[in-house]
């Protein structure tokens, strides 16, 4: 097929590479504008732009995809289908109806569950045992189009937002290839989504990572994994922001106030939560690299009774 690809972050790159490897003619890559990054605020290419240029694919970066000039630009490529993976803008009807096969989206959840911008992380935070990827025929709603194909991916007890991101990116790339093949062969029967059984998977922000120690140890541990590696879960200690990267749950319950350090050993410490205690395994303080708890305790004094707070 002759394909226009629309995507922006790392998650999208796997599908772009799969399209090229499968022999599809990717005639254009549409991605978000370059953005300043880091302390020097140097302009940085989106990952999809870097990947497209490495394959000699033309790149188009509209500020607003809804503008008539953008629609005209895309129409000029006379593509068979537009593949959309985490592009980052809502597409107008004029683009949705631009090609014979319309716009096929790769979404990182088992729709209608977890419509929205951050389905990967919310699946972990909410304690799902299985998630997956859905391809859908896009309509004007937010992740509401007819479903084409699905594939399931188990969520392990150690899963992080980063590890699940990589698994779903790979699964999504393979599913997209199957979807395009089935569309060409006319073997897909699109399915309506119906009502979603989950909340909207809203965009992540740094405030989400502020640990509420009144929550259960299990909920906090899932939050830590879900927000690893961005935006990360954190708490406050001695006017420092302490990022917590890994922890495990203990059913042990004390009478201490939630957020209180209840036990300190040579290589670990435990914090009381609203239900159970959390054994912190890996953390990070400002200006330092991530470290295992035993390394932290060798360099910093932490006593039982110390209070972490939001």
C-alpha atoms as a PDB file:
ATOM      1  CA  UNK A   1       0.000   0.000   0.000  1.00  0.00           C
ATOM      2  CA  UNK A   2       0.944   3.637  -0.461  1.00  0.00           C
ATOM      3  CA  UNK A   3       0.933   4.988   3.108  1.00  0.00           C
ATOM      4  CA  UNK A   4       1.017   8.361   4.820  1.00  0.00           C
ATOM      5  CA  UNK A   5       2.312   7.785   8.353  1.00  0.00           C
ATOM      6  CA  UNK A   6       1.316  10.109  11.202  1.00  0.00           C
ATOM      7  CA  UNK A   7       3.066   9.740  14.555  1.00  0.00           C
ATOM      8  CA  UNK A   8       5.421  11.521  16.919  1.00  0.00           C
ATOM      9  CA  UNK A   9       7.015   9.725  19.939  1.00  0.00           C
ATOM     10  CA  UNK A  10       9.154   6.601  20.336  1.00  0.00           C
ATOM     11  CA  UNK A  11       6.030   4.439  20.558  1.00  0.00           C
ATOM     12  CA  UNK A  12       5.236   5.266  16.922  1.00  0.00           C
ATOM     13  CA  UNK A  13       8.625   4.393  15.468  1.00  0.00           C
ATOM     14  CA  UNK A  14       8.166   0.605  15.648  1.00  0.00           C
ATOM     15  CA  UNK A  15       5.131   0.755  13.359  1.00  0.00           C
ATOM     16  CA  UNK A  16       6.876   3.083  10.903  1.00  0.00           C
ATOM     17  CA  UNK A  17       9.841   0.697  10.713  1.00  0.00           C
ATOM     18  CA  UNK A  18       7.491  -2.298  10.288  1.00  0.00           C
ATOM     19  CA  UNK A  19       5.678  -0.599   7.393  1.00  0.00           C
ATOM     20  CA  UNK A  20       8.970  -0.032   5.601  1.00  0.00           C
ATOM     21  CA  UNK A  21      10.203  -3.582   6.297  1.00  0.00           C
ATOM     22  CA  UNK A  22       6.917  -5.081   5.057  1.00  0.00           C
ATOM     23  CA  UNK A  23       7.374  -3.343   1.702  1.00  0.00           C
ATOM     24  CA  UNK A  24       4.690  -0.671   2.023  1.00  0.00           C
ATOM     25  CA  UNK A  25       5.457   2.577   0.241  1.00  0.00           C
ATOM     26  CA  UNK A  26       5.624   5.192   2.997  1.00  0.00           C
ATOM     27  CA  UNK A  27       5.368   8.333   0.897  1.00  0.00           C
ATOM     28  CA  UNK A  28       5.212  10.865   3.760  1.00  0.00           C
ATOM     29  CA  UNK A  29       5.746  11.040   7.526  1.00  0.00           C
ATOM     30  CA  UNK A  30       3.649  13.643   9.343  1.00  0.00           C
ATOM     31  CA  UNK A  31       4.813  14.539  12.839  1.00  0.00           C
ATOM     32  CA  UNK A  32       4.633  17.319  15.411  1.00  0.00           C
ATOM     33  CA  UNK A  33       6.931  20.361  15.112  1.00  0.00           C
ATOM     34  CA  UNK A  34      10.425  20.226  16.629  1.00  0.00           C
ATOM     35  CA  UNK A  35      10.516  21.281  20.287  1.00  0.00           C
ATOM     36  CA  UNK A  36      13.219  22.829  22.501  1.00  0.00           C
ATOM     37  CA  UNK A  37      14.594  20.380  25.049  1.00  0.00           C
ATOM     38  CA  UNK A  38      17.058  20.361  27.919  1.00  0.00           C
ATOM     39  CA  UNK A  39      18.783  23.227  29.680  1.00  0.00           C
ATOM     40  CA  UNK A  40      20.186  24.579  26.448  1.00  0.00           C
ATOM     41  CA  UNK A  41      16.691  24.575  24.890  1.00  0.00           C
ATOM     42  CA  UNK A  42      18.095  23.207  21.659  1.00  0.00           C
ATOM     43  CA  UNK A  43      15.501  22.238  19.084  1.00  0.00           C
ATOM     44  CA  UNK A  44      15.067  18.473  18.978  1.00  0.00           C
ATOM     45  CA  UNK A  45      13.522  16.331  16.253  1.00  0.00           C
ATOM     46  CA  UNK A  46      10.594  14.090  17.238  1.00  0.00           C
ATOM     47  CA  UNK A  47      11.625  10.380  17.100  1.00  0.00           C
ATOM     48  CA  UNK A  48       9.404   9.767  14.053  1.00  0.00           C
ATOM     49  CA  UNK A  49      11.144  12.559  12.140  1.00  0.00           C
ATOM     50  CA  UNK A  50      14.556  11.065  12.909  1.00  0.00           C
ATOM     51  CA  UNK A  51      13.418   7.604  11.785  1.00  0.00           C
ATOM     52  CA  UNK A  52      11.766   8.901   8.599  1.00  0.00           C
ATOM     53  CA  UNK A  53      14.773  10.959   7.546  1.00  0.00           C
ATOM     54  CA  UNK A  54      17.073   7.969   8.104  1.00  0.00           C
ATOM     55  CA  UNK A  55      15.004   6.130   5.461  1.00  0.00           C
ATOM     56  CA  UNK A  56      14.822   9.095   3.085  1.00  0.00           C
ATOM     57  CA  UNK A  57      11.091   9.625   3.694  1.00  0.00           C
ATOM     58  CA  UNK A  58       9.799  13.219   3.320  1.00  0.00           C
ATOM     59  CA  UNK A  59       8.663  14.806   6.597  1.00  0.00           C
ATOM     60  CA  UNK A  60       5.807  17.272   7.099  1.00  0.00           C
ATOM     61  CA  UNK A  61       5.353  19.066  10.449  1.00  0.00           C
ATOM     62  CA  UNK A  62       2.139  21.095  10.542  1.00  0.00           C
ATOM     63  CA  UNK A  63       1.485  23.259  13.596  1.00  0.00           C
ATOM     64  CA  UNK A  64      -2.257  22.747  13.133  1.00  0.00           C
ATOM     65  CA  UNK A  65      -3.333  19.710  11.140  1.00  0.00           C
ATOM     66  CA  UNK A  66      -6.864  21.108  10.758  1.00  0.00           C
ATOM     67  CA  UNK A  67      -5.776  23.939   8.471  1.00  0.00           C
ATOM     68  CA  UNK A  68      -6.838  23.693   4.818  1.00  0.00           C
ATOM     69  CA  UNK A  69      -3.227  23.962   3.636  1.00  0.00           C
ATOM     70  CA  UNK A  70      -2.362  20.803   5.600  1.00  0.00           C
ATOM     71  CA  UNK A  71      -5.263  18.838   4.108  1.00  0.00           C
ATOM     72  CA  UNK A  72      -4.212  19.991   0.640  1.00  0.00           C
ATOM     73  CA  UNK A  73      -0.605  18.894   1.280  1.00  0.00           C
ATOM     74  CA  UNK A  74      -1.676  15.389   2.326  1.00  0.00           C
ATOM     75  CA  UNK A  75      -4.118  15.042  -0.557  1.00  0.00           C
ATOM     76  CA  UNK A  76      -1.294  15.627  -3.009  1.00  0.00           C
ATOM     77  CA  UNK A  77       0.368  12.339  -2.035  1.00  0.00           C
ATOM     78  CA  UNK A  78      -2.624  10.251  -3.206  1.00  0.00           C
ATOM     79  CA  UNK A  79      -2.108   7.598  -0.536  1.00  0.00           C
ATOM     80  CA  UNK A  80      -4.181   4.419  -0.122  1.00  0.00           C
ATOM     81  CA  UNK A  81      -4.314   4.713   3.659  1.00  0.00           C
ATOM     82  CA  UNK A  82      -3.171   6.932   6.529  1.00  0.00           C
ATOM     83  CA  UNK A  83      -1.673   5.068   9.511  1.00  0.00           C
ATOM     84  CA  UNK A  84      -1.853   7.033  12.765  1.00  0.00           C
ATOM     85  CA  UNK A  85       0.124   6.109  15.901  1.00  0.00           C
ATOM     86  CA  UNK A  86       0.267   8.604  18.799  1.00  0.00           C
ATOM     87  CA  UNK A  87       0.327  11.609  16.478  1.00  0.00           C
ATOM     88  CA  UNK A  88      -0.791  14.143  19.073  1.00  0.00           C
ATOM     89  CA  UNK A  89      -3.486  16.167  17.276  1.00  0.00           C
ATOM     90  CA  UNK A  90      -7.144  15.469  16.559  1.00  0.00           C
ATOM     91  CA  UNK A  91      -7.700  14.872  12.854  1.00  0.00           C
ATOM     92  CA  UNK A  92     -10.476  16.698  10.975  1.00  0.00           C
ATOM     93  CA  UNK A  93     -13.097  14.887   8.901  1.00  0.00           C
ATOM     94  CA  UNK A  94     -11.378  16.049   5.707  1.00  0.00           C
ATOM     95  CA  UNK A  95      -8.273  14.004   6.587  1.00  0.00           C
ATOM     96  CA  UNK A  96     -10.220  11.042   7.979  1.00  0.00           C
ATOM     97  CA  UNK A  97     -11.927  10.670   4.589  1.00  0.00           C
ATOM     98  CA  UNK A  98      -8.924  11.545   2.418  1.00  0.00           C
ATOM     99  CA  UNK A  99      -7.866   8.032   1.345  1.00  0.00           C
ATOM    100  CA  UNK A 100      -9.695   4.889   0.111  1.00  0.00           C
ATOM    101  CA  UNK A 101      -8.978   3.011   3.362  1.00  0.00           C
ATOM    102  CA  UNK A 102      -9.346   6.056   5.623  1.00  0.00           C
ATOM    103  CA  UNK A 103      -7.235   6.471   8.766  1.00  0.00           C
ATOM    104  CA  UNK A 104      -6.147   3.375  10.691  1.00  0.00           C
ATOM    105  CA  UNK A 105      -5.073   4.026  14.265  1.00  0.00           C
ATOM    106  CA  UNK A 106      -2.915   1.843  16.525  1.00  0.00           C
ATOM    107  CA  UNK A 107      -4.102   2.349  20.116  1.00  0.00           C
ATOM    108  CA  UNK A 108      -2.280   0.856  23.131  1.00  0.00           C
ATOM    109  CA  UNK A 109      -5.248  -0.699  24.933  1.00  0.00           C
ATOM    110  CA  UNK A 110      -7.991  -3.250  24.441  1.00  0.00           C
ATOM    111  CA  UNK A 111     -10.658  -0.798  23.360  1.00  0.00           C
ATOM    112  CA  UNK A 112     -13.123   0.338  24.516  1.00  0.00           C
ATOM    113  CA  UNK A 113     -10.994   0.206  27.690  1.00  0.00           C
ATOM    114  CA  UNK A 114      -8.610   3.087  28.308  1.00  0.00           C
ATOM    115  CA  UNK A 115      -9.423   5.537  25.578  1.00  0.00           C
ATOM    116  CA  UNK A 116      -7.130   8.522  25.906  1.00  0.00           C
ATOM    117  CA  UNK A 117      -3.532   9.680  25.897  1.00  0.00           C
ATOM    118  CA  UNK A 118      -1.916   7.380  28.499  1.00  0.00           C
ATOM    119  CA  UNK A 119      -3.493   3.897  28.331  1.00  0.00           C
ATOM    120  CA  UNK A 120      -0.184   2.098  28.963  1.00  0.00           C
ATOM    121  CA  UNK A 121       0.520   3.657  32.340  1.00  0.00           C
ATOM    122  CA  UNK A 122      -3.089   3.647  33.555  1.00  0.00           C
ATOM    123  CA  UNK A 123      -3.393  -0.097  32.917  1.00  0.00           C
ATOM    124  CA  UNK A 124      -0.565  -0.656  35.427  1.00  0.00           C
ATOM    125  CA  UNK A 125      -1.789   1.942  37.925  1.00  0.00           C
ATOM    126  CA  UNK A 126      -5.251   0.370  37.907  1.00  0.00           C
ATOM    127  CA  UNK A 127      -3.885  -3.147  38.407  1.00  0.00           C
ATOM    128  CA  UNK A 128      -4.909  -4.728  35.092  1.00  0.00           C
ATOM    129  CA  UNK A 129      -3.601  -8.277  34.526  1.00  0.00           C
ATOM    130  CA  UNK A 130      -3.826  -8.007  30.762  1.00  0.00           C
ATOM    131  CA  UNK A 131      -3.845  -5.161  28.264  1.00  0.00           C
ATOM    132  CA  UNK A 132      -3.027  -5.033  24.574  1.00  0.00           C
ATOM    133  CA  UNK A 133      -3.349  -3.129  21.330  1.00  0.00           C
ATOM    134  CA  UNK A 134      -6.347  -2.353  19.127  1.00  0.00           C
ATOM    135  CA  UNK A 135      -6.355  -1.129  15.554  1.00  0.00           C
ATOM    136  CA  UNK A 136      -9.369   0.982  14.685  1.00  0.00           C
ATOM    137  CA  UNK A 137     -10.918   2.902  11.826  1.00  0.00           C
ATOM    138  CA  UNK A 138     -10.706   6.464  13.072  1.00  0.00           C
ATOM    139  CA  UNK A 139     -13.753   8.688  13.354  1.00  0.00           C
ATOM    140  CA  UNK A 140     -14.157  12.209  14.707  1.00  0.00           C
ATOM    141  CA  UNK A 141     -14.394  11.072  18.351  1.00  0.00           C
ATOM    142  CA  UNK A 142     -11.557  10.448  20.800  1.00  0.00           C
ATOM    143  CA  UNK A 143     -10.576   6.786  20.282  1.00  0.00           C
ATOM    144  CA  UNK A 144     -14.189   5.861  19.478  1.00  0.00           C
ATOM    145  CA  UNK A 145     -13.832   4.449  15.942  1.00  0.00           C
ATOM    146  CA  UNK A 146     -14.810   0.943  14.865  1.00  0.00           C
ATOM    147  CA  UNK A 147     -12.369  -1.733  16.054  1.00  0.00           C
ATOM    148  CA  UNK A 148     -10.509  -3.724  13.405  1.00  0.00           C
ATOM    149  CA  UNK A 149      -8.130  -6.166  15.147  1.00  0.00           C
ATOM    150  CA  UNK A 150      -6.894  -6.739  18.717  1.00  0.00           C
ATOM    151  CA  UNK A 151      -3.980  -8.483  20.390  1.00  0.00           C
ATOM    152  CA  UNK A 152      -3.548  -9.144  24.113  1.00  0.00           C
ATOM    153  CA  UNK A 153      -0.377  -8.579  26.151  1.00  0.00           C
ATOM    154  CA  UNK A 154      -0.071  -9.813  29.776  1.00  0.00           C
ATOM    155  CA  UNK A 155       0.851  -7.263  32.459  1.00  0.00           C
ATOM    156  CA  UNK A 156       3.411  -8.851  34.787  1.00  0.00           C
ATOM    157  CA  UNK A 157       3.758  -8.138  38.513  1.00  0.00           C
ATOM    158  CA  UNK A 158       7.048  -6.316  37.806  1.00  0.00           C
ATOM    159  CA  UNK A 159       5.790  -4.377  34.773  1.00  0.00           C
ATOM    160  CA  UNK A 160       6.756  -0.722  34.529  1.00  0.00           C
ATOM    161  CA  UNK A 161       5.366   1.968  32.269  1.00  0.00           C
ATOM    162  CA  UNK A 162       8.586   1.778  30.269  1.00  0.00           C
ATOM    163  CA  UNK A 163       8.690  -2.004  29.859  1.00  0.00           C
ATOM    164  CA  UNK A 164       5.010  -2.193  28.894  1.00  0.00           C
ATOM    165  CA  UNK A 165       5.480   0.692  26.445  1.00  0.00           C
ATOM    166  CA  UNK A 166       8.141  -1.304  24.617  1.00  0.00           C
ATOM    167  CA  UNK A 167       6.055  -4.511  24.540  1.00  0.00           C
ATOM    168  CA  UNK A 168       2.964  -2.713  23.233  1.00  0.00           C
ATOM    169  CA  UNK A 169       4.946  -0.753  20.634  1.00  0.00           C
ATOM    170  CA  UNK A 170       6.234  -4.043  19.211  1.00  0.00           C
ATOM    171  CA  UNK A 171       2.803  -5.700  19.398  1.00  0.00           C
ATOM    172  CA  UNK A 172       1.172  -2.672  17.772  1.00  0.00           C
ATOM    173  CA  UNK A 173       3.595  -2.710  14.858  1.00  0.00           C
ATOM    174  CA  UNK A 174       2.812  -6.376  14.122  1.00  0.00           C
ATOM    175  CA  UNK A 175      -0.932  -5.843  14.518  1.00  0.00           C
ATOM    176  CA  UNK A 176      -0.885  -2.901  12.111  1.00  0.00           C
ATOM    177  CA  UNK A 177       0.749  -5.071   9.429  1.00  0.00           C
ATOM    178  CA  UNK A 178      -1.936  -7.751   9.945  1.00  0.00           C
ATOM    179  CA  UNK A 179      -4.633  -5.081   9.767  1.00  0.00           C
ATOM    180  CA  UNK A 180      -3.452  -3.578   6.474  1.00  0.00           C
ATOM    181  CA  UNK A 181      -3.161  -7.050   4.938  1.00  0.00           C
ATOM    182  CA  UNK A 182      -6.700  -7.956   6.040  1.00  0.00           C
ATOM    183  CA  UNK A 183      -8.077  -4.627   4.795  1.00  0.00           C
ATOM    184  CA  UNK A 184      -6.554  -5.255   1.367  1.00  0.00           C
ATOM    185  CA  UNK A 185      -7.995  -8.770   1.343  1.00  0.00           C
ATOM    186  CA  UNK A 186     -11.394  -7.545   2.546  1.00  0.00           C
ATOM    187  CA  UNK A 187     -11.504 -10.007   5.449  1.00  0.00           C
ATOM    188  CA  UNK A 188     -11.995  -7.562   8.348  1.00  0.00           C
ATOM    189  CA  UNK A 189     -15.428  -7.041   9.893  1.00  0.00           C
ATOM    190  CA  UNK A 190     -15.257  -3.751  11.854  1.00  0.00           C
ATOM    191  CA  UNK A 191     -16.867  -3.842  15.301  1.00  0.00           C
ATOM    192  CA  UNK A 192     -18.567  -1.000  17.164  1.00  0.00           C
ATOM    193  CA  UNK A 193     -16.959  -0.222  20.495  1.00  0.00           C
ATOM    194  CA  UNK A 194     -19.873   0.349  22.852  1.00  0.00           C
ATOM    195  CA  UNK A 195     -19.431   1.992  26.261  1.00  0.00           C
ATOM    196  CA  UNK A 196     -16.038   1.946  27.974  1.00  0.00           C
ATOM    197  CA  UNK A 197     -15.807   0.039  31.296  1.00  0.00           C
ATOM    198  CA  UNK A 198     -12.848   2.167  32.448  1.00  0.00           C
ATOM    199  CA  UNK A 199     -12.136   5.835  33.085  1.00  0.00           C
ATOM    200  CA  UNK A 200     -10.565   8.025  30.398  1.00  0.00           C
ATOM    201  CA  UNK A 201      -6.793   7.459  30.336  1.00  0.00           C
ATOM    202  CA  UNK A 202      -5.895  11.108  30.782  1.00  0.00           C
ATOM    203  CA  UNK A 203      -2.497  12.547  29.981  1.00  0.00           C
ATOM    204  CA  UNK A 204       0.210  12.091  32.604  1.00  0.00           C
ATOM    205  CA  UNK A 205       1.619  15.011  34.567  1.00  0.00           C
ATOM    206  CA  UNK A 206       4.248  15.412  37.279  1.00  0.00           C
ATOM    207  CA  UNK A 207       1.693  16.113  40.035  1.00  0.00           C
ATOM    208  CA  UNK A 208       0.299  12.596  39.583  1.00  0.00           C
ATOM    209  CA  UNK A 209       3.524  11.191  40.999  1.00  0.00           C
ATOM    210  CA  UNK A 210       3.145  12.858  44.412  1.00  0.00           C
ATOM    211  CA  UNK A 211       2.597   9.832  46.677  1.00  0.00           C
ATOM    212  CA  UNK A 212      -0.418   9.939  48.984  1.00  0.00           C
ATOM    213  CA  UNK A 213       0.682   7.718  51.863  1.00  0.00           C
ATOM    214  CA  UNK A 214      -2.958   7.311  52.956  1.00  0.00           C
ATOM    215  CA  UNK A 215      -3.491   5.075  49.902  1.00  0.00           C
ATOM    216  CA  UNK A 216      -2.823   1.343  50.206  1.00  0.00           C
ATOM    217  CA  UNK A 217       0.663  -0.102  49.782  1.00  0.00           C
ATOM    218  CA  UNK A 218      -0.576  -2.015  46.728  1.00  0.00           C
ATOM    219  CA  UNK A 219      -1.949   1.137  45.060  1.00  0.00           C
ATOM    220  CA  UNK A 220       1.258   3.082  45.756  1.00  0.00           C
ATOM    221  CA  UNK A 221       3.434   0.252  44.424  1.00  0.00           C
ATOM    222  CA  UNK A 222       1.407   0.178  41.192  1.00  0.00           C
ATOM    223  CA  UNK A 223       1.703   3.963  40.885  1.00  0.00           C
ATOM    224  CA  UNK A 224       5.488   3.691  41.239  1.00  0.00           C
ATOM    225  CA  UNK A 225       5.675   1.084  38.460  1.00  0.00           C
ATOM    226  CA  UNK A 226       3.173   2.832  36.216  1.00  0.00           C
ATOM    227  CA  UNK A 227       4.999   6.170  36.340  1.00  0.00           C
ATOM    228  CA  UNK A 228       8.433   4.603  35.775  1.00  0.00           C
ATOM    229  CA  UNK A 229      10.235   6.085  33.828  1.00  0.00           C
ATOM    230  CA  UNK A 230       8.145   9.267  33.437  1.00  0.00           C
ATOM    231  CA  UNK A 231       6.964  11.289  35.259  1.00  0.00           C
ATOM    232  CA  UNK A 232       8.029   9.098  38.263  1.00  0.00           C
ATOM    233  CA  UNK A 233       6.522   8.755  41.744  1.00  0.00           C
ATOM    234  CA  UNK A 234       7.977  10.869  44.523  1.00  0.00           C
ATOM    235  CA  UNK A 235       7.660  11.979  48.134  1.00  0.00           C
ATOM    236  CA  UNK A 236       9.225  14.663  50.350  1.00  0.00           C
ATOM    237  CA  UNK A 237      11.896  14.209  53.027  1.00  0.00           C
ATOM    238  CA  UNK A 238      13.898  16.970  54.767  1.00  0.00           C
ATOM    239  CA  UNK A 239      12.835  19.498  52.113  1.00  0.00           C
ATOM    240  CA  UNK A 240      14.082  17.168  49.384  1.00  0.00           C
ATOM    241  CA  UNK A 241      12.021  15.564  46.623  1.00  0.00           C
ATOM    242  CA  UNK A 242      12.759  11.844  46.781  1.00  0.00           C
ATOM    243  CA  UNK A 243      11.860   9.810  43.713  1.00  0.00           C
ATOM    244  CA  UNK A 244      10.914   6.207  44.419  1.00  0.00           C
ATOM    245  CA  UNK A 245      11.658   3.897  41.511  1.00  0.00           C
ATOM    246  CA  UNK A 246      10.982   0.476  42.974  1.00  0.00           C
ATOM    247  CA  UNK A 247       9.239  -0.942  46.038  1.00  0.00           C
ATOM    248  CA  UNK A 248       7.479  -4.052  47.260  1.00  0.00           C
ATOM    249  CA  UNK A 249       4.358  -4.520  49.332  1.00  0.00           C
ATOM    250  CA  UNK A 250       4.239  -5.941  52.840  1.00  0.00           C
ATOM    251  CA  UNK A 251       0.970  -6.803  54.559  1.00  0.00           C
ATOM    252  CA  UNK A 252       2.510  -5.798  57.887  1.00  0.00           C
ATOM    253  CA  UNK A 253       0.402  -3.148  59.582  1.00  0.00           C
ATOM    254  CA  UNK A 254       1.571  -0.818  62.337  1.00  0.00           C
ATOM    255  CA  UNK A 255      -0.207   1.894  64.287  1.00  0.00           C
ATOM    256  CA  UNK A 256       2.080   4.552  62.839  1.00  0.00           C
ATOM    257  CA  UNK A 257       0.768   7.491  60.836  1.00  0.00           C
ATOM    258  CA  UNK A 258       0.819   6.874  57.055  1.00  0.00           C
ATOM    259  CA  UNK A 259       4.125   8.129  55.633  1.00  0.00           C
ATOM    260  CA  UNK A 260       6.085   7.111  58.734  1.00  0.00           C
ATOM    261  CA  UNK A 261       9.275   5.060  58.423  1.00  0.00           C
ATOM    262  CA  UNK A 262       8.503   1.991  60.551  1.00  0.00           C
ATOM    263  CA  UNK A 263      11.609  -0.122  60.060  1.00  0.00           C
ATOM    264  CA  UNK A 264      15.206   0.537  58.987  1.00  0.00           C
ATOM    265  CA  UNK A 265      17.670  -2.284  58.350  1.00  0.00           C
ATOM    266  CA  UNK A 266      21.131  -2.321  56.784  1.00  0.00           C
ATOM    267  CA  UNK A 267      19.743  -2.554  53.267  1.00  0.00           C
ATOM    268  CA  UNK A 268      16.078  -1.466  53.321  1.00  0.00           C
ATOM    269  CA  UNK A 269      13.433   0.619  55.019  1.00  0.00           C
ATOM    270  CA  UNK A 270       9.651   0.365  55.294  1.00  0.00           C
ATOM    271  CA  UNK A 271       6.992   3.084  55.226  1.00  0.00           C
ATOM    272  CA  UNK A 272       3.506   2.787  56.705  1.00  0.00           C
ATOM    273  CA  UNK A 273       0.665   3.391  54.240  1.00  0.00           C
ATOM    274  CA  UNK A 274      -3.103   3.550  54.633  1.00  0.00           C
ATOM    275  CA  UNK A 275      -3.126  -0.255  54.313  1.00  0.00           C
ATOM    276  CA  UNK A 276       0.086  -2.261  54.713  1.00  0.00           C
ATOM    277  CA  UNK A 277       3.680  -1.115  54.513  1.00  0.00           C
ATOM    278  CA  UNK A 278       5.874  -0.350  51.523  1.00  0.00           C
ATOM    279  CA  UNK A 279       9.467  -1.612  51.419  1.00  0.00           C
ATOM    280  CA  UNK A 280      11.481   0.855  49.336  1.00  0.00           C
ATOM    281  CA  UNK A 281      14.030  -0.827  47.055  1.00  0.00           C
ATOM    282  CA  UNK A 282      15.305   1.910  44.730  1.00  0.00           C
ATOM    283  CA  UNK A 283      15.196   5.688  45.051  1.00  0.00           C
ATOM    284  CA  UNK A 284      16.801   8.927  43.932  1.00  0.00           C
ATOM    285  CA  UNK A 285      17.511  12.236  45.610  1.00  0.00           C
ATOM    286  CA  UNK A 286      18.148  15.558  43.816  1.00  0.00           C
ATOM    287  CA  UNK A 287      21.515  15.763  42.069  1.00  0.00           C
ATOM    288  CA  UNK A 288      22.201  12.036  42.418  1.00  0.00           C
ATOM    289  CA  UNK A 289      21.664   8.996  40.225  1.00  0.00           C
ATOM    290  CA  UNK A 290      19.117   6.299  40.995  1.00  0.00           C
ATOM    291  CA  UNK A 291      20.416   4.026  43.748  1.00  0.00           C
ATOM    292  CA  UNK A 292      19.458   0.860  45.580  1.00  0.00           C
ATOM    293  CA  UNK A 293      18.217   1.446  49.118  1.00  0.00           C
ATOM    294  CA  UNK A 294      21.299  -0.113  50.737  1.00  0.00           C
ATOM    295  CA  UNK A 295      23.535   2.406  48.928  1.00  0.00           C
ATOM    296  CA  UNK A 296      21.271   5.246  50.057  1.00  0.00           C
ATOM    297  CA  UNK A 297      21.401   4.098  53.699  1.00  0.00           C
ATOM    298  CA  UNK A 298      25.198   3.982  53.627  1.00  0.00           C
ATOM    299  CA  UNK A 299      25.287   7.659  52.702  1.00  0.00           C
ATOM    300  CA  UNK A 300      22.282   9.094  54.541  1.00  0.00           C
ATOM    301  CA  UNK A 301      20.932   8.713  58.058  1.00  0.00           C
ATOM    302  CA  UNK A 302      17.299   7.628  58.219  1.00  0.00           C
ATOM    303  CA  UNK A 303      15.596   6.826  61.529  1.00  0.00           C
ATOM    304  CA  UNK A 304      12.436   4.959  62.418  1.00  0.00           C
ATOM    305  CA  UNK A 305       9.719   7.541  63.011  1.00  0.00           C
ATOM    306  CA  UNK A 306      10.873   9.780  60.132  1.00  0.00           C
ATOM    307  CA  UNK A 307       7.860  11.137  58.254  1.00  0.00           C
ATOM    308  CA  UNK A 308       7.609  11.299  54.479  1.00  0.00           C
ATOM    309  CA  UNK A 309       4.928  13.688  53.262  1.00  0.00           C
ATOM    310  CA  UNK A 310       3.131  14.693  50.058  1.00  0.00           C
END
